[in-house]
Every structure is written in C-alpha cells, then in structure tokens.
Protein backbone atom coordinates (compact mmCIF):
# COMPACT_ATOMS: atom_id res chain seq x y z
CA UNK A 1 0.00 0.00 0.00
CA UNK A 2 1.34 3.39 -0.95
CA UNK A 3 1.16 5.96 1.82
CA UNK A 4 0.77 9.42 0.39
CA UNK A 5 1.74 12.56 2.24
CA UNK A 6 -1.08 14.89 3.10
CA UNK A 7 -1.24 17.62 0.39
CA UNK A 8 -0.17 21.11 1.32
CA UNK A 9 -1.67 24.38 0.22
CA UNK A 10 -0.81 25.48 -3.32
CA UNK A 11 1.18 28.45 -2.10
CA UNK A 12 2.22 30.30 1.00
CA UNK A 13 2.56 34.01 0.45
CA UNK A 14 4.46 36.48 2.57
CA UNK A 15 2.85 38.99 4.85
CA UNK A 16 2.90 42.72 4.34
CA UNK A 17 6.47 44.00 4.14
CA UNK A 18 8.12 44.63 7.50
CA UNK A 19 10.32 47.69 8.09
CA UNK A 20 13.71 47.51 6.42
CA UNK A 21 16.46 46.27 8.75
CA UNK A 22 19.03 48.81 9.78
CA UNK A 23 22.68 48.57 8.78
CA UNK A 24 24.49 45.70 10.48
CA UNK A 25 27.14 43.13 9.59
CA UNK A 26 25.75 40.37 7.41
CA UNK A 27 24.17 37.74 9.65
CA UNK A 28 25.15 39.54 12.86
CA UNK A 29 21.62 39.26 14.30
CA UNK A 30 21.99 35.48 14.54
CA UNK A 31 25.64 35.46 15.59
CA UNK A 32 27.03 34.59 12.15
CA UNK A 33 29.04 36.55 9.65
CA UNK A 34 28.71 35.78 5.94
CA UNK A 35 31.48 35.95 3.39
CA UNK A 36 30.26 35.53 -0.21
CA UNK A 37 32.51 33.74 -2.70
CA UNK A 38 31.93 35.13 -6.17
CA UNK A 39 34.85 33.70 -8.15
CA UNK A 40 35.66 30.15 -9.23
CA UNK A 41 39.14 30.50 -7.75
CA UNK A 42 37.72 31.45 -4.36
CA UNK A 43 35.99 28.08 -3.99
CA UNK A 44 39.28 26.31 -3.29
CA UNK A 45 39.62 28.12 0.02
CA UNK A 46 36.57 26.38 1.52
CA UNK A 47 37.08 22.91 0.04
CA UNK A 48 38.04 21.12 3.26
CA UNK A 49 35.38 22.85 5.35
CA UNK A 50 32.76 22.07 2.70
CA UNK A 51 33.78 18.39 2.74
CA UNK A 52 33.54 18.37 6.53
CA UNK A 53 30.09 19.92 6.62
CA UNK A 54 28.72 17.64 3.89
CA UNK A 55 30.01 14.49 5.56
CA UNK A 56 28.72 15.39 9.04
CA UNK A 57 25.33 16.82 8.01
CA UNK A 58 22.26 15.41 9.70
CA UNK A 59 20.67 14.87 6.27
CA UNK A 60 23.59 14.40 3.83
CA UNK A 61 22.99 15.47 0.22
CA UNK A 62 25.37 14.46 -2.57
CA UNK A 63 23.97 17.25 -4.78
CA UNK A 64 25.31 19.93 -2.42
CA UNK A 65 28.81 18.53 -1.94
CA UNK A 66 31.87 20.52 -2.96
CA UNK A 67 32.81 18.08 -5.72
CA UNK A 68 29.33 18.13 -7.27
CA UNK A 69 29.25 21.95 -7.17
CA UNK A 70 32.75 22.35 -8.56
CA UNK A 71 32.22 19.91 -11.44
CA UNK A 72 28.96 21.47 -12.63
CA UNK A 73 30.05 25.04 -11.93
CA UNK A 74 33.17 24.56 -14.07
CA UNK A 75 31.04 23.13 -16.88
CA UNK A 76 28.54 25.99 -16.95
CA UNK A 77 31.20 28.63 -16.36
CA UNK A 78 33.00 27.34 -19.45
CA UNK A 79 29.87 27.93 -21.52
CA UNK A 80 29.21 31.39 -20.05
CA UNK A 81 30.93 33.52 -22.67
CA UNK A 82 29.00 36.68 -21.78
CA UNK A 83 29.75 36.76 -18.04
CA UNK A 84 26.08 36.23 -17.17
CA UNK A 85 26.64 33.93 -14.20
CA UNK A 86 29.01 33.65 -11.26
CA UNK A 87 29.17 31.73 -7.99
CA UNK A 88 27.36 33.26 -5.04
CA UNK A 89 28.47 30.79 -2.38
CA UNK A 90 27.67 32.15 1.07
CA UNK A 91 30.14 31.03 3.71
CA UNK A 92 28.74 31.29 7.23
CA UNK A 93 31.28 31.80 9.98
CA UNK A 94 31.04 31.89 13.73
CA UNK A 95 34.01 32.81 15.88
CA UNK A 96 36.14 32.64 12.74
CA UNK A 97 35.22 29.02 11.91
CA UNK A 98 33.20 27.95 8.88
CA UNK A 99 29.83 26.73 10.19
CA UNK A 100 27.72 26.51 7.04
CA UNK A 101 27.70 26.85 3.23
CA UNK A 102 24.92 28.17 1.02
CA UNK A 103 25.79 26.94 -2.51
CA UNK A 104 24.16 29.54 -4.76
CA UNK A 105 24.88 31.25 -8.05
CA UNK A 106 24.04 34.72 -9.39
CA UNK A 107 22.77 34.70 -12.96
CA UNK A 108 21.39 37.26 -15.39
CA UNK A 109 18.52 35.90 -17.49
CA UNK A 110 16.41 37.53 -20.19
CA UNK A 111 12.63 37.43 -19.84
CA UNK A 112 10.39 39.13 -22.39
CA UNK A 113 13.13 41.57 -23.35
CA UNK A 114 14.14 42.47 -19.78
CA UNK A 115 17.24 41.32 -17.91
CA UNK A 116 16.46 39.65 -14.59
CA UNK A 117 19.16 39.21 -11.96
CA UNK A 118 18.47 35.90 -10.23
CA UNK A 119 19.89 34.14 -7.20
CA UNK A 120 19.51 30.39 -7.69
CA UNK A 121 20.84 27.00 -6.81
CA UNK A 122 23.41 25.53 -9.18
CA UNK A 123 21.88 24.63 -12.56
CA UNK A 124 22.77 20.92 -12.32
CA UNK A 125 20.60 17.79 -12.75
CA UNK A 126 19.95 17.52 -9.00
CA UNK A 127 16.73 16.19 -7.49
CA UNK A 128 17.26 17.77 -4.07
CA UNK A 129 18.80 21.12 -3.14
CA UNK A 130 19.75 22.27 0.35
CA UNK A 131 21.85 24.65 2.34
CA UNK A 132 24.86 22.85 3.86
CA UNK A 133 24.31 23.63 7.51
CA UNK A 134 25.72 22.66 10.87
CA UNK A 135 23.80 21.90 14.04
CA UNK A 136 22.21 25.38 14.32
CA UNK A 137 19.92 25.20 11.29
CA UNK A 138 17.53 27.88 12.55
CA UNK A 139 20.27 30.45 13.19
CA UNK A 140 22.08 29.75 9.94
CA UNK A 141 18.92 29.94 7.82
CA UNK A 142 18.10 33.24 9.51
CA UNK A 143 21.59 34.52 8.66
CA UNK A 144 21.23 33.53 4.98
CA UNK A 145 17.80 35.13 4.69
CA UNK A 146 19.03 38.33 6.39
CA UNK A 147 21.95 38.46 3.97
CA UNK A 148 19.60 38.22 1.00
CA UNK A 149 17.36 40.91 2.47
CA UNK A 150 20.28 43.27 3.08
CA UNK A 151 21.68 42.75 -0.43
CA UNK A 152 18.34 42.99 -2.25
CA UNK A 153 19.60 45.84 -4.43
CA UNK A 154 21.98 43.36 -6.09
CA UNK A 155 19.27 40.98 -7.36
CA UNK A 156 15.70 41.00 -8.67
CA UNK A 157 14.50 37.51 -7.84
CA UNK A 158 15.53 34.66 -5.57
CA UNK A 159 14.40 31.43 -7.24
CA UNK A 160 15.42 28.34 -5.27
CA UNK A 161 14.06 25.15 -6.84
CA UNK A 162 13.87 21.61 -5.47
CA UNK A 163 14.30 22.66 -1.86
CA UNK A 164 14.24 19.48 0.19
CA UNK A 165 12.01 19.28 3.24
CA UNK A 166 14.20 17.67 5.90
CA UNK A 167 11.81 17.98 8.81
CA UNK A 168 11.31 21.66 9.55
CA UNK A 169 13.55 23.39 7.00
CA UNK A 170 10.66 24.97 5.09
CA UNK A 171 9.10 26.27 8.31
CA UNK A 172 12.43 27.78 9.38
CA UNK A 173 12.86 29.48 6.00
CA UNK A 174 9.33 30.89 6.11
CA UNK A 175 9.78 32.16 9.65
CA UNK A 176 13.01 33.92 8.70
CA UNK A 177 11.46 35.46 5.58
CA UNK A 178 8.42 36.75 7.45
CA UNK A 179 10.65 38.99 9.60
CA UNK A 180 12.18 40.75 6.57
CA UNK A 181 10.88 43.20 3.98
CA UNK A 182 10.96 40.54 1.26
CA UNK A 183 7.82 39.27 -0.43
CA UNK A 184 7.80 35.56 -1.13
CA UNK A 185 6.00 32.40 -2.15
CA UNK A 186 6.75 28.80 -1.21
CA UNK A 187 5.25 26.37 -3.73
CA UNK A 188 5.05 22.55 -3.75
CA UNK A 189 7.22 21.27 -6.59
CA UNK A 190 7.83 17.51 -6.73
CA UNK A 191 7.24 14.26 -4.86
CA UNK A 192 9.97 11.67 -4.49
CA UNK A 193 8.81 8.13 -3.58
CA UNK A 194 10.93 6.17 -1.14
CA UNK A 195 11.02 2.71 0.40
CA UNK A 196 12.02 1.99 3.98
CA UNK A 197 14.69 -0.74 4.09
CA UNK A 198 13.60 -2.74 7.14
CA UNK A 199 14.17 -6.25 5.82
CA UNK A 200 16.02 -8.13 3.11
CA UNK A 201 14.50 -8.61 -0.34
CA UNK A 202 12.47 -11.69 0.58
CA UNK A 203 11.11 -9.96 3.67
CA UNK A 204 9.99 -6.98 1.60
CA UNK A 205 8.32 -9.14 -1.05
CA UNK A 206 6.20 -10.79 1.63
CA UNK A 207 4.67 -7.39 2.42
CA UNK A 208 3.42 -6.85 -1.12
CA UNK A 209 0.02 -7.77 -2.48
CA UNK A 210 -0.42 -11.25 -3.91
CA UNK A 211 -0.65 -9.83 -7.42
CA UNK A 212 2.63 -7.93 -7.11
CA UNK A 213 4.36 -10.97 -5.59
CA UNK A 214 3.31 -13.11 -8.55
CA UNK A 215 4.50 -10.48 -11.02
CA UNK A 216 7.94 -10.36 -9.39
CA UNK A 217 8.25 -14.13 -9.26
CA UNK A 218 7.34 -14.39 -12.93
CA UNK A 219 10.07 -11.91 -13.85
CA UNK A 220 12.60 -13.74 -11.70
CA UNK A 221 11.79 -17.06 -13.36
CA UNK A 222 12.45 -15.48 -16.75
CA UNK A 223 15.75 -14.16 -15.45
CA UNK A 224 16.84 -17.64 -14.35
CA UNK A 225 17.08 -18.67 -18.02
CA UNK A 226 19.94 -16.17 -18.39
CA UNK A 227 21.85 -17.52 -15.41
CA UNK A 228 23.36 -20.37 -17.42
CA UNK A 229 25.31 -17.78 -19.39
CA UNK A 230 27.19 -16.53 -16.33
CA UNK A 231 24.79 -13.81 -15.18
CA UNK A 232 26.06 -11.84 -12.20
CA UNK A 233 25.42 -8.63 -10.28
CA UNK A 234 28.30 -6.74 -8.75
CA UNK A 235 28.69 -3.45 -6.93
CA UNK A 236 31.32 -0.88 -7.89
CA UNK A 237 32.06 1.44 -4.99
CA UNK A 238 34.72 3.52 -6.72
CA UNK A 239 33.59 3.87 -10.36
CA UNK A 240 36.45 6.18 -11.31
CA UNK A 241 38.90 3.34 -10.75
CA UNK A 242 37.35 1.09 -13.42
CA UNK A 243 38.63 2.05 -16.90
CA UNK A 244 36.00 2.33 -19.61
CA UNK A 245 33.08 2.10 -17.20
CA UNK A 246 31.54 5.45 -18.08
CA UNK A 247 31.70 4.65 -21.79
CA UNK A 248 29.83 1.40 -21.13
CA UNK A 249 27.14 3.26 -19.18
CA UNK A 250 26.71 5.73 -22.02
CA UNK A 251 26.34 2.93 -24.58
CA UNK A 252 23.37 1.46 -22.69
CA UNK A 253 21.92 4.87 -21.84
CA UNK A 254 21.45 5.56 -25.55
CA UNK A 255 18.83 2.78 -25.60
CA UNK A 256 16.62 4.29 -22.88
CA UNK A 257 12.94 4.71 -23.72
CA UNK A 258 9.88 5.90 -21.81
CA UNK A 259 6.58 5.11 -23.45
CA UNK A 260 8.47 4.06 -26.56
CA UNK A 261 10.16 7.44 -26.91
CA UNK A 262 13.91 8.04 -26.57
CA UNK A 263 14.98 9.65 -23.29
CA UNK A 264 17.34 12.64 -23.52
CA UNK A 265 20.79 11.38 -22.47
CA UNK A 266 22.36 12.55 -19.24
CA UNK A 267 25.74 10.84 -19.00
CA UNK A 268 26.28 11.08 -22.76
CA UNK A 269 25.50 14.79 -22.71
CA UNK A 270 27.91 15.57 -19.87
CA UNK A 271 30.58 12.84 -20.01
CA UNK A 272 33.43 14.98 -18.71
CA UNK A 273 31.36 16.25 -15.78
CA UNK A 274 30.41 12.75 -14.68
CA UNK A 275 33.96 11.56 -15.19
CA UNK A 276 35.10 14.20 -12.68
CA UNK A 277 32.23 13.29 -10.34
CA UNK A 278 33.14 9.60 -10.44
CA UNK A 279 36.82 10.42 -9.84
CA UNK A 280 36.14 12.69 -6.84
CA UNK A 281 32.95 11.44 -5.16
CA UNK A 282 33.78 7.75 -5.63
CA UNK A 283 36.77 7.69 -3.25
CA UNK A 284 34.68 9.65 -0.74
CA UNK A 285 32.08 6.86 -0.80
CA UNK A 286 29.20 8.94 -2.14
CA UNK A 287 28.58 6.70 -5.16
CA UNK A 288 27.81 3.04 -5.71
CA UNK A 289 27.09 1.41 -9.08
CA UNK A 290 25.14 -1.83 -9.40
CA UNK A 291 25.86 -3.58 -12.69
CA UNK A 292 24.31 -6.73 -14.15
CA UNK A 293 26.61 -8.60 -16.52
CA UNK A 294 26.57 -11.77 -18.55
CA UNK A 295 30.14 -12.77 -19.09
CA UNK A 296 31.86 -9.56 -20.22
CA UNK A 297 28.65 -8.00 -21.55
CA UNK A 298 26.98 -5.23 -19.55
CA UNK A 299 23.21 -5.82 -19.48
CA UNK A 300 21.96 -3.24 -16.96
CA UNK A 301 23.26 -0.64 -14.53
CA UNK A 302 22.04 1.56 -11.74
CA UNK A 303 23.85 4.63 -10.42
CA UNK A 304 23.04 5.05 -6.74
CA UNK A 305 24.21 7.75 -4.36
CA UNK A 306 24.96 6.97 -0.72
CA UNK A 307 23.73 9.79 1.51
CA UNK A 308 24.16 8.92 5.15
CA UNK A 309 21.88 5.97 5.87
CA UNK A 310 19.97 6.41 2.60
CA UNK A 311 20.46 5.13 -0.94
CA UNK A 312 19.30 7.44 -3.75
CA UNK A 313 18.47 5.89 -7.13
CA UNK A 314 19.82 8.46 -9.59
CA UNK A 315 19.74 6.77 -12.98
CA UNK A 316 19.38 3.35 -14.56
CA UNK A 317 19.51 1.74 -18.01
CA UNK A 318 19.43 -1.72 -19.56
CA UNK A 319 20.11 -3.52 -22.83
CA UNK A 320 16.83 -3.35 -24.74
CA UNK A 321 17.50 -6.60 -26.55
CA UNK A 322 16.78 -8.21 -23.14
CA UNK A 323 13.76 -6.03 -22.37
CA UNK A 324 11.41 -8.97 -21.73
CA UNK A 325 13.51 -9.87 -18.68
CA UNK A 326 12.87 -6.50 -16.92
CA UNK A 327 16.56 -6.23 -16.08
CA UNK A 328 16.35 -2.69 -14.72
CA UNK A 329 13.57 -3.57 -12.29
CA UNK A 330 15.35 -6.75 -11.21
CA UNK A 331 18.44 -4.80 -10.16
CA UNK A 332 16.32 -3.35 -7.36
CA UNK A 333 16.32 -6.59 -5.28
CA UNK A 334 20.12 -6.72 -5.42
CA UNK A 335 20.44 -3.07 -4.38
CA UNK A 336 17.96 -3.52 -1.53
CA UNK A 337 19.84 -6.55 -0.24
CA UNK A 338 23.07 -4.56 -0.50
CA UNK A 339 21.42 -1.73 1.44
CA UNK A 340 20.04 -4.01 4.15
CA UNK A 341 23.35 -5.81 4.65
CA UNK A 342 25.24 -2.50 4.88
CA UNK A 343 22.90 -0.83 7.37
CA UNK A 344 21.04 1.56 5.05
CA UNK A 345 17.54 2.51 6.17
CA UNK A 346 15.92 3.99 3.06
CA UNK A 347 15.89 3.61 -0.72
CA UNK A 348 14.88 6.90 -2.34
CA UNK A 349 13.64 6.73 -5.95
CA UNK A 350 14.07 10.52 -6.27
CA UNK A 351 11.91 12.66 -8.54
CA UNK A 352 8.99 11.14 -10.44
CA UNK A 353 6.05 8.91 -9.61
CA UNK A 354 6.45 6.21 -12.24
CA UNK A 355 4.29 3.11 -11.62
CA UNK A 356 7.22 0.85 -10.71
CA UNK A 357 8.30 3.32 -8.03
CA UNK A 358 4.82 3.64 -6.56
CA UNK A 359 4.50 -0.17 -6.39
CA UNK A 360 7.36 -0.26 -3.92
CA UNK A 361 7.22 3.07 -2.13
CA UNK A 362 6.13 3.41 1.48
CA UNK A 363 5.95 7.20 1.33
CA UNK A 364 6.98 10.32 -0.58
CA UNK A 365 9.39 13.12 0.24
CA UNK A 366 8.44 16.58 -0.99
CA UNK A 367 10.40 19.40 -2.55
CA UNK A 368 9.46 23.05 -2.76
CA UNK A 369 10.24 26.14 -4.80
CA UNK A 370 11.09 29.33 -2.94
CA UNK A 371 10.48 32.62 -4.75
CA UNK A 372 11.38 35.91 -3.11
CA UNK A 373 11.60 39.49 -4.35
CA UNK A 374 11.97 42.94 -2.87
CA UNK A 375 9.17 45.52 -2.49
CA UNK A 376 10.73 47.67 -5.24
CA UNK A 377 8.40 47.98 -8.22
CA UNK A 378 11.19 46.90 -10.59
CA UNK A 379 11.71 43.70 -8.61
CA UNK A 380 7.95 43.06 -8.42
CA UNK A 381 7.61 43.52 -12.17
CA UNK A 382 10.45 41.13 -12.95
CA UNK A 383 9.06 38.56 -10.53
CA UNK A 384 5.71 38.82 -12.33
CA UNK A 385 7.40 38.29 -15.71
CA UNK A 386 9.47 35.32 -14.53
CA UNK A 387 6.76 33.55 -12.58
CA UNK A 388 3.17 34.51 -13.32
CA UNK A 389 3.42 35.62 -16.95
CA UNK A 390 5.78 32.78 -17.87
CA UNK A 391 3.41 30.22 -16.32
CA UNK A 392 0.43 31.76 -18.16
CA UNK A 393 2.28 31.58 -21.50
CA UNK A 394 3.18 27.92 -20.92
CA UNK A 395 -0.43 27.07 -20.08
CA UNK A 396 -1.64 28.84 -23.23
CA UNK A 397 0.90 27.07 -25.43
CA UNK A 398 0.01 23.76 -23.79
CA UNK A 399 -3.68 24.18 -24.63
CA UNK A 400 -2.91 24.94 -28.27
CA UNK A 401 -0.46 22.10 -28.80
C-alpha cells in the first residue's frame, strides 16, 4: 500500500512587508558573519570545510557537496561567454570558523526583453537542493535570509528550486522570511517516492500484495534462463577506478525509452562532468554502481548515491534486446539486499512517480520552490514576468499544442 503525504496548500505568500532592517554586519543578528565567494578561484579556500560539513550533516545530500558543485560550476562557467553567471556561495562563519555553506549562483537571465538578476541554486541535474548547515539550522537559515534581504539591491528575484524538506527546513525558511521586507511564495514542486529498508529482499516481497508478488516471481523465473550464461550482479564502490566504465554506461543509456520514446541522455550529454564526479565522489564513498553482466557483456546498470543511511536511485539503463527480462527492475532486489546488509535505512527513488516506483514506495518526500523578491516595483515587475506571466504563457501554449 502506498502511503501518500497529506497535500499542502498550493502556495504560501508572505505577509505585508516589514520595516527595512538597519545597517548591520551580514548575519550579525543570529551570531554569524557571511562571506560571499563570487569567483571560481575562491571556492578552493573552503574545500576542506565544505567536505567536513557535507560528511557530518544530519541529512547528507550528494547534490550539495563541494565536488558536485565544482564539477557542474566549471562546466557551466566554461559555456558562459558573456559573463552572465558567477558563484554566489555564502560562507557562514562563527568565531572565525566555517559553520555553514549556502551553494548559490548569481545569474542574469532575459525574460520578455528584460534582464532579470536571479539568485539560484546551481543549474545541475539535481533532485534535491539544500543549504549545507551545521547543528544550528535555525540560526544559519536566519543569517542567509538576512543576507539576501540586506543585499536585495543586487538581485531582482531569488528562485530556489527543489528545496528538500528535511523535517522543519521549510518552516524555518518561512519564519526567517516573514521577519524581513521581502515578499515571497513557497510552492510545492515535486514528490519523491521512497522505500524503507527494514528487511532483506524476501522480507519486503512478503509485504506486497499477492498480485505484485506473482509479477515479481514471474520476472525472476524469466531471469533464471539467463543464469546459465554466467549472469552476475556486482557493486562498484569507486567507479572512477574502473577504466572504460563510463563509456559502457553511455552505450546502454542511448537505448533508454519511456513510453516508446527516446529519453534525452544525461551521462552522454555531460561525459566529462560525470567523469570528474566519479573520480572525486567515488573515493569519498558517495557513489555506488550496481551492474548486471553476462560474461563480459553489460546488461543493466544503476547509479546510486549513498547519503548517510539512505540510498538514492539516480539513474538506470538496460540492454533493450533483453527487455522482456525486466533487467532494470530486477536490479532493485540486489540493491535492496546490498542496502540491508550495509545498514542503510531507506531507498529513495528521487523525482517522479512512475508506476514501478509507486508499487514499492512506502511514502513520498516533498520538494518546494522558494520565490522571493523585494518591495521595489522593478523587482515586483520582474518577478511577475518570470513567474506569473511565464506560467500563463506555458499554459496557453500547452492548450494549443
């Protein structure tokens, strides 16, 4: 049975603007100072502290690690020939020590002929975004929000997508925003099904409906006919150390289909980025690949991220000439057994509510979109163009197509 989270309101809008805060050091009201890093070179100075914070976070997130940010930031910076984007990484310090990281960028975008200065999360294929915080989440979120409020002349719109709800993060953000002059909306964005890992594969199957159990057994019986050819599943915990692996993943990825239609490639589109990610995040134990092979032939793979006690299913592909065996789906039992034997507590399918995910899920995590703008009429107008007018145009085009 799929347990669905209770739906939230469509939007939460800010109250009437509060008086502007008086001049004070950035973040001083919460005991933190903030030093923004706005150059690619400046990122190197916080590498070790960023690693430390990511690895000790209460809710670790591979998409906000230093290596993920650096790899994608270098890629997009290399394509930014007009100087329209730059890092806006906010380093929170207390008593001189780095206590938190807010991995943002500042980007100029064009909307309906007007330039809009936006503060955003990194434009990478990430399912969850977060601030990288220490133990004092409330104080650090307040410091980040105060910084944005005090620097509102430098941007037109804050647009933070795929904000992960990690318990009370959204409430803390809303509370901090409500004490500033900023106007804002917090909108539901996506649902990410997950499965609690509280038993091995056979224990989990017993909890399913009779129909689903029979479907799985039928697929497994088909798979047994391949076993005579040396079928095996193995786990690669440091993918950068296996030569040619990424090229093999890309070859299978080109066969991906959803509803009979080709799926836009991810690894093939950004091979050098993922090569760097494998080389850096692999040794730090953030990545694990499950591969199904028959002899020397790769039949299916699953890229999984290891975030604390959780496994995140990021991407998967299989050889379509073996499609009747449901190879991609049958990698899940191996990964769940791997997770159970290694002490993981959750298997997160990430964004999307595809039927196979909902069959297994025991709940859904939610992500949100935070929009904030200043009371200035220019900022309000640009927020209207980027959010309301853009959405109206998309709806109109959708009706006509």
